[in-house]
Amino acid sequence: MKVWLRRLAVAITFSLGAATAYAQTPQGFDHGAWNHLLQRHVRWTGDGHASTVNYQGMATDRDKLQSYLTTLSAVSRQSFDGWSREAQLAFLINAYNAFTVQLILTRYPDLKSIKDLGSFIQSPWKKPFVSLLGQTRSLDDIEHGLIRGSGRYRDPRIHFAVNCASIGCPALRPDAYGAEKLDEQLEDQTKRFLGDRTRNRIADDALEVSPIFKWYREDFEQGFRGDKALPDFLARYAGVAGLNAGQANDLRGGRLAIRFGDYDWRLNDGRR
């Protein structure tokens, strides 16, 4: 394991005893500290369809970010299991996003993409540096194991909430996810992303969409709100995706082709 990765893991787990659960409530976890950082350093762009992160500003608040991460790491599996489904999912999404920012800061500003933090043998998403729920985990462990792999959540809209620090990724919101408003936030994220004509649009008599829908197609076809095919999910949001009624019907009926575009892996840095 590289020196910087060891240092990051040590910093995250340092003084967990002192951080024990001050941010926890009977309903879940208080993400106020993360919300404050997001409000300070994240801005909507592209008419509200995307966002940028002021990583330089995040770096100046690194101690506040570290304090928040430490409180996340202090949550036991037993406490987590006692929360509502919404509180659990909000916790996991916020954890994924906050630890991703921390990962970027380990080399910022000397990187152009989160992929620069990987190697030929290990992607940045597989690095075990996250102390969460009693184990050292990777970002992939959070997304594909705890969120997608648990079978408890089964909500494809999470793909518009977890943020990979890239321009092609759905926006990092300037507010933290919360149990009491999670459905509203996930719906808003979905509409913002599908409303972005740089990533989802009608082109050459086909609906061109983000490759996210290709990578995770199965998640959009597991019956969420009755949608068992990707065209059905996309047609549900026909209005924000720029489809008229006829195009929506053609999409459902297989007469409007779906094509997958490219993904922009450049860092979502607001200062570049």
C-alpha atoms as a PDB file:
ATOM      1  CA  MET A   1       0.000   0.000   0.000  1.00  0.00           C
ATOM      2  CA  LYS A   2       1.369   3.431  -0.906  1.00  0.00           C
ATOM      3  CA  VAL A   3       2.500   5.814   1.812  1.00  0.00           C
ATOM      4  CA  TRP A   4      -0.195   8.383   1.061  1.00  0.00           C
ATOM      5  CA  LEU A   5      -2.872   5.700   1.221  1.00  0.00           C
ATOM      6  CA  ARG A   6      -1.638   4.494   4.609  1.00  0.00           C
ATOM      7  CA  ARG A   7      -1.606   8.055   5.890  1.00  0.00           C
ATOM      8  CA  LEU A   8      -5.142   8.619   4.624  1.00  0.00           C
ATOM      9  CA  ALA A   9      -6.439   5.475   6.318  1.00  0.00           C
ATOM     10  CA  VAL A  10      -4.726   6.408   9.576  1.00  0.00           C
ATOM     11  CA  ALA A  11      -6.094   9.946   9.470  1.00  0.00           C
ATOM     12  CA  ILE A  12      -9.621   8.725   8.888  1.00  0.00           C
ATOM     13  CA  THR A  13      -9.543   6.298  11.792  1.00  0.00           C
ATOM     14  CA  PHE A  14      -7.650   8.570  14.204  1.00  0.00           C
ATOM     15  CA  SER A  15      -9.390   9.366  17.468  1.00  0.00           C
ATOM     16  CA  LEU A  16     -12.605   7.510  16.665  1.00  0.00           C
ATOM     17  CA  GLY A  17     -13.288   7.185  20.365  1.00  0.00           C
ATOM     18  CA  ALA A  18     -13.431  10.958  20.754  1.00  0.00           C
ATOM     19  CA  ALA A  19     -15.825  11.225  17.831  1.00  0.00           C
ATOM     20  CA  THR A  20     -18.274   8.586  18.993  1.00  0.00           C
ATOM     21  CA  ALA A  21     -21.728   9.245  17.617  1.00  0.00           C
ATOM     22  CA  TYR A  22     -22.118  12.922  18.429  1.00  0.00           C
ATOM     23  CA  ALA A  23     -23.705  13.279  14.999  1.00  0.00           C
ATOM     24  CA  GLN A  24     -26.095  10.345  15.436  1.00  0.00           C
ATOM     25  CA  THR A  25     -29.769  10.644  16.260  1.00  0.00           C
ATOM     26  CA  PRO A  26     -32.440   7.976  16.807  1.00  0.00           C
ATOM     27  CA  GLN A  27     -33.554   8.604  13.200  1.00  0.00           C
ATOM     28  CA  GLY A  28     -30.082   8.215  11.727  1.00  0.00           C
ATOM     29  CA  PHE A  29     -27.137  10.532  11.286  1.00  0.00           C
ATOM     30  CA  ASP A  30     -26.771  14.298  11.307  1.00  0.00           C
ATOM     31  CA  HIS A  31     -24.942  15.290   8.119  1.00  0.00           C
ATOM     32  CA  GLY A  32     -24.880  18.991   8.978  1.00  0.00           C
ATOM     33  CA  ALA A  33     -21.080  19.232   8.812  1.00  0.00           C
ATOM     34  CA  TRP A  34     -21.019  17.781   5.290  1.00  0.00           C
ATOM     35  CA  ASN A  35     -23.941  19.977   4.284  1.00  0.00           C
ATOM     36  CA  HIS A  36     -21.965  23.050   5.406  1.00  0.00           C
ATOM     37  CA  LEU A  37     -18.957  22.062   3.296  1.00  0.00           C
ATOM     38  CA  LEU A  38     -21.114  21.407   0.243  1.00  0.00           C
ATOM     39  CA  GLN A  39     -22.851  24.755   0.537  1.00  0.00           C
ATOM     40  CA  ARG A  40     -19.489  26.505   0.753  1.00  0.00           C
ATOM     41  CA  HIS A  41     -17.670  24.738  -2.047  1.00  0.00           C
ATOM     42  CA  VAL A  42     -20.148  23.303  -4.585  1.00  0.00           C
ATOM     43  CA  ARG A  43     -21.972  25.339  -7.231  1.00  0.00           C
ATOM     44  CA  TRP A  44     -24.642  24.461  -9.772  1.00  0.00           C
ATOM     45  CA  THR A  45     -23.615  25.019 -13.401  1.00  0.00           C
ATOM     46  CA  GLY A  46     -25.219  24.452 -16.785  1.00  0.00           C
ATOM     47  CA  ASP A  47     -28.599  25.865 -15.774  1.00  0.00           C
ATOM     48  CA  GLY A  48     -28.621  23.576 -12.755  1.00  0.00           C
ATOM     49  CA  HIS A  49     -27.940  20.328 -14.624  1.00  0.00           C
ATOM     50  CA  ALA A  50     -24.341  19.940 -13.444  1.00  0.00           C
ATOM     51  CA  SER A  51     -22.094  21.209 -10.675  1.00  0.00           C
ATOM     52  CA  THR A  52     -18.469  22.002  -9.950  1.00  0.00           C
ATOM     53  CA  VAL A  53     -16.443  21.601  -6.776  1.00  0.00           C
ATOM     54  CA  ASN A  54     -13.996  24.157  -5.422  1.00  0.00           C
ATOM     55  CA  TYR A  55     -11.380  21.622  -4.356  1.00  0.00           C
ATOM     56  CA  GLN A  56      -8.990  24.375  -3.342  1.00  0.00           C
ATOM     57  CA  GLY A  57     -11.628  25.604  -0.933  1.00  0.00           C
ATOM     58  CA  MET A  58     -12.268  22.065   0.269  1.00  0.00           C
ATOM     59  CA  ALA A  59      -8.539  21.770   0.935  1.00  0.00           C
ATOM     60  CA  THR A  60      -8.618  24.826   3.192  1.00  0.00           C
ATOM     61  CA  ASP A  61     -11.435  23.139   5.116  1.00  0.00           C
ATOM     62  CA  ARG A  62      -9.669  19.784   5.204  1.00  0.00           C
ATOM     63  CA  ASP A  63      -9.843  19.649   8.998  1.00  0.00           C
ATOM     64  CA  LYS A  64     -13.636  20.041   8.886  1.00  0.00           C
ATOM     65  CA  LEU A  65     -13.899  17.359   6.221  1.00  0.00           C
ATOM     66  CA  GLN A  66     -11.674  15.066   8.251  1.00  0.00           C
ATOM     67  CA  SER A  67     -13.793  15.625  11.350  1.00  0.00           C
ATOM     68  CA  TYR A  68     -16.929  14.654   9.414  1.00  0.00           C
ATOM     69  CA  LEU A  69     -15.260  11.541   7.990  1.00  0.00           C
ATOM     70  CA  THR A  70     -14.163  10.538  11.475  1.00  0.00           C
ATOM     71  CA  THR A  71     -17.744  10.708  12.732  1.00  0.00           C
ATOM     72  CA  LEU A  72     -18.860   8.564   9.787  1.00  0.00           C
ATOM     73  CA  SER A  73     -16.204   6.004  10.650  1.00  0.00           C
ATOM     74  CA  ALA A  74     -17.339   5.934  14.280  1.00  0.00           C
ATOM     75  CA  VAL A  75     -20.796   4.581  13.390  1.00  0.00           C
ATOM     76  CA  SER A  76     -21.126   0.919  14.321  1.00  0.00           C
ATOM     77  CA  ARG A  77     -22.880  -1.653  12.178  1.00  0.00           C
ATOM     78  CA  GLN A  78     -25.343  -2.212  15.007  1.00  0.00           C
ATOM     79  CA  SER A  79     -26.329   1.464  15.058  1.00  0.00           C
ATOM     80  CA  PHE A  80     -26.586   1.563  11.263  1.00  0.00           C
ATOM     81  CA  ASP A  81     -28.826  -1.508  11.168  1.00  0.00           C
ATOM     82  CA  GLY A  82     -31.251   0.209  13.541  1.00  0.00           C
ATOM     83  CA  TRP A  83     -31.886   3.124  11.188  1.00  0.00           C
ATOM     84  CA  SER A  84     -34.608   3.448   8.577  1.00  0.00           C
ATOM     85  CA  ARG A  85     -33.938   2.469   4.973  1.00  0.00           C
ATOM     86  CA  GLU A  86     -33.834   6.151   4.017  1.00  0.00           C
ATOM     87  CA  ALA A  87     -31.383   7.056   6.785  1.00  0.00           C
ATOM     88  CA  GLN A  88     -29.107   4.188   5.776  1.00  0.00           C
ATOM     89  CA  LEU A  89     -29.107   5.096   2.100  1.00  0.00           C
ATOM     90  CA  ALA A  90     -28.514   8.798   2.783  1.00  0.00           C
ATOM     91  CA  PHE A  91     -25.595   7.832   5.042  1.00  0.00           C
ATOM     92  CA  LEU A  92     -24.008   5.609   2.394  1.00  0.00           C
ATOM     93  CA  ILE A  93     -24.395   8.145  -0.421  1.00  0.00           C
ATOM     94  CA  ASN A  94     -22.959  10.956   1.680  1.00  0.00           C
ATOM     95  CA  ALA A  95     -20.104   8.718   2.806  1.00  0.00           C
ATOM     96  CA  TYR A  96     -19.258   7.763  -0.778  1.00  0.00           C
ATOM     97  CA  ASN A  97     -19.231  11.381  -1.911  1.00  0.00           C
ATOM     98  CA  ALA A  98     -17.295  12.737   1.068  1.00  0.00           C
ATOM     99  CA  PHE A  99     -14.622  10.045   0.931  1.00  0.00           C
ATOM    100  CA  THR A 100     -14.294  10.671  -2.819  1.00  0.00           C
ATOM    101  CA  VAL A 101     -13.545  14.337  -2.138  1.00  0.00           C
ATOM    102  CA  GLN A 102     -10.990  13.272   0.458  1.00  0.00           C
ATOM    103  CA  LEU A 103      -9.369  10.965  -2.099  1.00  0.00           C
ATOM    104  CA  ILE A 104      -9.108  13.793  -4.638  1.00  0.00           C
ATOM    105  CA  LEU A 105      -7.456  16.035  -2.048  1.00  0.00           C
ATOM    106  CA  THR A 106      -4.646  13.521  -1.512  1.00  0.00           C
ATOM    107  CA  ARG A 107      -3.122  14.714  -4.797  1.00  0.00           C
ATOM    108  CA  TYR A 108      -4.927  17.930  -5.668  1.00  0.00           C
ATOM    109  CA  PRO A 109      -4.079  20.076  -7.614  1.00  0.00           C
ATOM    110  CA  ASP A 110      -1.704  17.663  -9.355  1.00  0.00           C
ATOM    111  CA  LEU A 111      -4.323  15.613 -11.160  1.00  0.00           C
ATOM    112  CA  LYS A 112      -6.681  16.060 -14.080  1.00  0.00           C
ATOM    113  CA  SER A 113      -8.967  13.115 -13.368  1.00  0.00           C
ATOM    114  CA  ILE A 114      -9.819  10.768 -10.542  1.00  0.00           C
ATOM    115  CA  LYS A 115      -8.364   8.076 -12.792  1.00  0.00           C
ATOM    116  CA  ASP A 116      -4.930   9.604 -12.181  1.00  0.00           C
ATOM    117  CA  LEU A 117      -5.160   8.151  -8.665  1.00  0.00           C
ATOM    118  CA  GLY A 118      -5.260   4.618  -9.996  1.00  0.00           C
ATOM    119  CA  SER A 119      -2.630   2.340 -11.487  1.00  0.00           C
ATOM    120  CA  PHE A 120      -2.366  -0.469 -14.015  1.00  0.00           C
ATOM    121  CA  ILE A 121      -3.230  -2.998 -11.321  1.00  0.00           C
ATOM    122  CA  GLN A 122      -5.768  -1.091  -9.211  1.00  0.00           C
ATOM    123  CA  SER A 123      -8.390   1.523 -10.007  1.00  0.00           C
ATOM    124  CA  PRO A 124      -9.017   4.353  -7.522  1.00  0.00           C
ATOM    125  CA  TRP A 125     -12.409   2.817  -6.777  1.00  0.00           C
ATOM    126  CA  LYS A 126     -10.810  -0.380  -5.497  1.00  0.00           C
ATOM    127  CA  LYS A 127      -8.349   1.244  -3.070  1.00  0.00           C
ATOM    128  CA  PRO A 128      -9.143   0.130   0.502  1.00  0.00           C
ATOM    129  CA  PHE A 129      -8.942   3.423   2.390  1.00  0.00           C
ATOM    130  CA  VAL A 130     -12.467   3.975   3.742  1.00  0.00           C
ATOM    131  CA  SER A 131     -13.115   3.092   7.384  1.00  0.00           C
ATOM    132  CA  LEU A 132     -16.861   2.457   7.489  1.00  0.00           C
ATOM    133  CA  LEU A 133     -19.166   0.237   9.527  1.00  0.00           C
ATOM    134  CA  GLY A 134     -16.326  -1.577  11.210  1.00  0.00           C
ATOM    135  CA  GLN A 135     -14.296  -2.441   8.115  1.00  0.00           C
ATOM    136  CA  THR A 136     -11.760  -0.883   5.778  1.00  0.00           C
ATOM    137  CA  ARG A 137     -13.496  -0.582   2.441  1.00  0.00           C
ATOM    138  CA  SER A 138     -13.088   0.802  -1.055  1.00  0.00           C
ATOM    139  CA  LEU A 139     -15.455   3.138  -2.860  1.00  0.00           C
ATOM    140  CA  ASP A 140     -16.581   0.162  -4.934  1.00  0.00           C
ATOM    141  CA  ASP A 141     -17.406  -1.675  -1.716  1.00  0.00           C
ATOM    142  CA  ILE A 142     -19.754   1.156  -0.745  1.00  0.00           C
ATOM    143  CA  GLU A 143     -21.490   1.505  -4.110  1.00  0.00           C
ATOM    144  CA  HIS A 144     -21.596  -2.062  -5.377  1.00  0.00           C
ATOM    145  CA  GLY A 145     -21.567  -3.890  -2.057  1.00  0.00           C
ATOM    146  CA  LEU A 146     -23.378  -1.865   0.585  1.00  0.00           C
ATOM    147  CA  ILE A 147     -25.734   0.032  -1.738  1.00  0.00           C
ATOM    148  CA  ARG A 148     -26.355  -2.048  -4.868  1.00  0.00           C
ATOM    149  CA  GLY A 149     -25.388  -5.440  -3.530  1.00  0.00           C
ATOM    150  CA  SER A 150     -27.438  -5.443  -0.357  1.00  0.00           C
ATOM    151  CA  GLY A 151     -30.791  -5.856  -2.119  1.00  0.00           C
ATOM    152  CA  ARG A 152     -32.349  -3.517   0.452  1.00  0.00           C
ATOM    153  CA  TYR A 153     -32.482  -0.321  -1.571  1.00  0.00           C
ATOM    154  CA  ARG A 154     -33.064  -1.285  -5.241  1.00  0.00           C
ATOM    155  CA  ASP A 155     -33.394   2.305  -6.409  1.00  0.00           C
ATOM    156  CA  PRO A 156     -31.668   3.070  -9.739  1.00  0.00           C
ATOM    157  CA  ARG A 157     -31.736   6.772  -8.960  1.00  0.00           C
ATOM    158  CA  ILE A 158     -28.725   6.265  -6.704  1.00  0.00           C
ATOM    159  CA  HIS A 159     -26.657   6.410  -9.899  1.00  0.00           C
ATOM    160  CA  PHE A 160     -27.509  10.101 -10.100  1.00  0.00           C
ATOM    161  CA  ALA A 161     -26.449  10.664  -6.482  1.00  0.00           C
ATOM    162  CA  VAL A 162     -23.077   8.938  -5.966  1.00  0.00           C
ATOM    163  CA  ASN A 163     -20.469  11.252  -7.460  1.00  0.00           C
ATOM    164  CA  CYS A 164     -17.194  10.147  -9.061  1.00  0.00           C
ATOM    165  CA  ALA A 165     -15.628  13.636  -9.164  1.00  0.00           C
ATOM    166  CA  SER A 166     -15.913  13.792 -12.958  1.00  0.00           C
ATOM    167  CA  ILE A 167     -17.595  16.124 -15.426  1.00  0.00           C
ATOM    168  CA  GLY A 168     -19.473  13.204 -16.964  1.00  0.00           C
ATOM    169  CA  CYS A 169     -20.879  12.165 -13.604  1.00  0.00           C
ATOM    170  CA  PRO A 170     -24.255  13.374 -12.319  1.00  0.00           C
ATOM    171  CA  ALA A 171     -23.865  16.471 -10.185  1.00  0.00           C
ATOM    172  CA  LEU A 172     -22.636  16.586  -6.631  1.00  0.00           C
ATOM    173  CA  ARG A 173     -25.435  18.454  -4.893  1.00  0.00           C
ATOM    174  CA  PRO A 174     -24.620  21.561  -2.817  1.00  0.00           C
ATOM    175  CA  ASP A 175     -26.533  19.957   0.059  1.00  0.00           C
ATOM    176  CA  ALA A 176     -26.220  16.675   1.930  1.00  0.00           C
ATOM    177  CA  TYR A 177     -28.683  13.828   1.450  1.00  0.00           C
ATOM    178  CA  GLY A 178     -31.091  13.379   4.335  1.00  0.00           C
ATOM    179  CA  ALA A 179     -33.510  10.635   5.336  1.00  0.00           C
ATOM    180  CA  GLU A 180     -36.528  12.923   5.544  1.00  0.00           C
ATOM    181  CA  LYS A 181     -36.086  14.294   2.015  1.00  0.00           C
ATOM    182  CA  LEU A 182     -34.206  11.493   0.277  1.00  0.00           C
ATOM    183  CA  ASP A 183     -36.884  10.586  -2.268  1.00  0.00           C
ATOM    184  CA  GLU A 184     -37.297  14.237  -3.224  1.00  0.00           C
ATOM    185  CA  GLN A 185     -33.538  14.672  -3.617  1.00  0.00           C
ATOM    186  CA  LEU A 186     -33.109  11.510  -5.705  1.00  0.00           C
ATOM    187  CA  GLU A 187     -35.976  12.547  -7.963  1.00  0.00           C
ATOM    188  CA  ASP A 188     -34.480  16.006  -8.356  1.00  0.00           C
ATOM    189  CA  GLN A 189     -31.085  14.521  -9.211  1.00  0.00           C
ATOM    190  CA  THR A 190     -32.641  12.275 -11.843  1.00  0.00           C
ATOM    191  CA  LYS A 191     -34.467  15.136 -13.519  1.00  0.00           C
ATOM    192  CA  ARG A 192     -31.446  17.433 -13.442  1.00  0.00           C
ATOM    193  CA  PHE A 193     -29.254  14.799 -15.056  1.00  0.00           C
ATOM    194  CA  LEU A 194     -31.740  13.737 -17.726  1.00  0.00           C
ATOM    195  CA  GLY A 195     -32.384  17.400 -18.476  1.00  0.00           C
ATOM    196  CA  ASP A 196     -28.742  17.940 -19.432  1.00  0.00           C
ATOM    197  CA  ARG A 197     -28.666  18.093 -23.235  1.00  0.00           C
ATOM    198  CA  THR A 198     -24.888  17.687 -23.284  1.00  0.00           C
ATOM    199  CA  ARG A 199     -25.316  14.136 -22.014  1.00  0.00           C
ATOM    200  CA  ASN A 200     -28.867  13.081 -22.916  1.00  0.00           C
ATOM    201  CA  ARG A 201     -30.539  14.211 -26.137  1.00  0.00           C
ATOM    202  CA  ILE A 202     -32.261  13.264 -29.375  1.00  0.00           C
ATOM    203  CA  ALA A 203     -29.628  12.926 -32.096  1.00  0.00           C
ATOM    204  CA  ASP A 204     -29.979  11.381 -35.559  1.00  0.00           C
ATOM    205  CA  ASP A 205     -33.359   9.810 -34.800  1.00  0.00           C
ATOM    206  CA  ALA A 206     -32.094   8.105 -31.654  1.00  0.00           C
ATOM    207  CA  LEU A 207     -32.067   8.924 -27.969  1.00  0.00           C
ATOM    208  CA  GLU A 208     -28.431   9.374 -26.982  1.00  0.00           C
ATOM    209  CA  VAL A 209     -27.898   8.964 -23.246  1.00  0.00           C
ATOM    210  CA  SER A 210     -25.039   8.736 -20.781  1.00  0.00           C
ATOM    211  CA  PRO A 211     -23.125   5.423 -20.668  1.00  0.00           C
ATOM    212  CA  ILE A 212     -24.264   5.209 -17.045  1.00  0.00           C
ATOM    213  CA  PHE A 213     -27.428   3.650 -18.463  1.00  0.00           C
ATOM    214  CA  LYS A 214     -25.325   1.035 -20.255  1.00  0.00           C
ATOM    215  CA  TRP A 215     -23.051   0.223 -17.326  1.00  0.00           C
ATOM    216  CA  TYR A 216     -25.933  -0.194 -14.882  1.00  0.00           C
ATOM    217  CA  ARG A 217     -28.760  -1.117 -17.213  1.00  0.00           C
ATOM    218  CA  GLU A 218     -29.863  -4.017 -15.034  1.00  0.00           C
ATOM    219  CA  ASP A 219     -30.574  -1.619 -12.160  1.00  0.00           C
ATOM    220  CA  PHE A 220     -33.043   0.293 -14.323  1.00  0.00           C
ATOM    221  CA  GLU A 221     -34.813  -2.945 -15.277  1.00  0.00           C
ATOM    222  CA  GLN A 222     -35.519  -4.405 -11.822  1.00  0.00           C
ATOM    223  CA  GLY A 223     -39.062  -3.122 -11.519  1.00  0.00           C
ATOM    224  CA  PHE A 224     -38.530   0.247  -9.853  1.00  0.00           C
ATOM    225  CA  ARG A 225     -41.987   1.865  -9.975  1.00  0.00           C
ATOM    226  CA  GLY A 226     -42.983  -0.903 -12.369  1.00  0.00           C
ATOM    227  CA  ASP A 227     -40.289  -0.177 -14.968  1.00  0.00           C
ATOM    228  CA  LYS A 228     -38.784  -3.458 -16.155  1.00  0.00           C
ATOM    229  CA  ALA A 229     -36.987  -2.122 -19.214  1.00  0.00           C
ATOM    230  CA  LEU A 230     -34.640   0.817 -19.696  1.00  0.00           C
ATOM    231  CA  PRO A 231     -36.912   2.451 -22.313  1.00  0.00           C
ATOM    232  CA  ASP A 232     -39.734   2.475 -19.758  1.00  0.00           C
ATOM    233  CA  PHE A 233     -37.580   4.244 -17.182  1.00  0.00           C
ATOM    234  CA  LEU A 234     -36.406   6.841 -19.695  1.00  0.00           C
ATOM    235  CA  ALA A 235     -39.927   7.368 -21.036  1.00  0.00           C
ATOM    236  CA  ARG A 236     -41.101   8.097 -17.495  1.00  0.00           C
ATOM    237  CA  TYR A 237     -38.921  11.212 -17.669  1.00  0.00           C
ATOM    238  CA  ALA A 238     -39.735  12.033 -21.289  1.00  0.00           C
ATOM    239  CA  GLY A 239     -40.548  15.657 -20.547  1.00  0.00           C
ATOM    240  CA  VAL A 240     -37.265  16.531 -18.867  1.00  0.00           C
ATOM    241  CA  ALA A 241     -35.351  14.424 -21.404  1.00  0.00           C
ATOM    242  CA  GLY A 242     -36.776  16.551 -24.217  1.00  0.00           C
ATOM    243  CA  LEU A 243     -39.058  13.923 -25.758  1.00  0.00           C
ATOM    244  CA  ASN A 244     -42.519  14.711 -27.042  1.00  0.00           C
ATOM    245  CA  ALA A 245     -45.435  12.334 -26.522  1.00  0.00           C
ATOM    246  CA  GLY A 246     -44.883  10.573 -29.829  1.00  0.00           C
ATOM    247  CA  GLN A 247     -41.209  10.025 -29.156  1.00  0.00           C
ATOM    248  CA  ALA A 248     -41.986   8.704 -25.685  1.00  0.00           C
ATOM    249  CA  ASN A 249     -44.416   6.178 -27.172  1.00  0.00           C
ATOM    250  CA  ASP A 250     -41.849   5.181 -29.795  1.00  0.00           C
ATOM    251  CA  LEU A 251     -39.287   4.710 -27.043  1.00  0.00           C
ATOM    252  CA  ARG A 252     -41.580   2.410 -25.084  1.00  0.00           C
ATOM    253  CA  GLY A 253     -42.477   0.497 -28.234  1.00  0.00           C
ATOM    254  CA  GLY A 254     -38.894  -0.019 -29.348  1.00  0.00           C
ATOM    255  CA  ARG A 255     -39.226   2.260 -32.369  1.00  0.00           C
ATOM    256  CA  LEU A 256     -36.838   4.901 -31.010  1.00  0.00           C
ATOM    257  CA  ALA A 257     -33.328   3.538 -30.638  1.00  0.00           C
ATOM    258  CA  ILE A 258     -31.173   4.183 -27.581  1.00  0.00           C
ATOM    259  CA  ARG A 259     -27.543   5.055 -28.145  1.00  0.00           C
ATOM    260  CA  PHE A 260     -24.902   5.527 -25.462  1.00  0.00           C
ATOM    261  CA  GLY A 261     -22.576   8.509 -25.579  1.00  0.00           C
ATOM    262  CA  ASP A 262     -19.094   9.126 -24.252  1.00  0.00           C
ATOM    263  CA  TYR A 263     -18.086   9.826 -20.653  1.00  0.00           C
ATOM    264  CA  ASP A 264     -16.013  12.830 -19.623  1.00  0.00           C
ATOM    265  CA  TRP A 265     -13.578  11.746 -16.904  1.00  0.00           C
ATOM    266  CA  ARG A 266     -12.037  15.176 -16.392  1.00  0.00           C
ATOM    267  CA  LEU A 267     -12.113  16.443 -12.816  1.00  0.00           C
ATOM    268  CA  ASN A 268     -15.221  18.465 -11.915  1.00  0.00           C
ATOM    269  CA  ASP A 269     -13.010  21.261 -10.626  1.00  0.00           C
ATOM    270  CA  GLY A 270     -14.640  24.675 -10.411  1.00  0.00           C
ATOM    271  CA  ARG A 271     -11.293  26.478 -10.580  1.00  0.00           C
ATOM    272  CA  ARG A 272     -10.242  25.153 -13.991  1.00  0.00           C
END
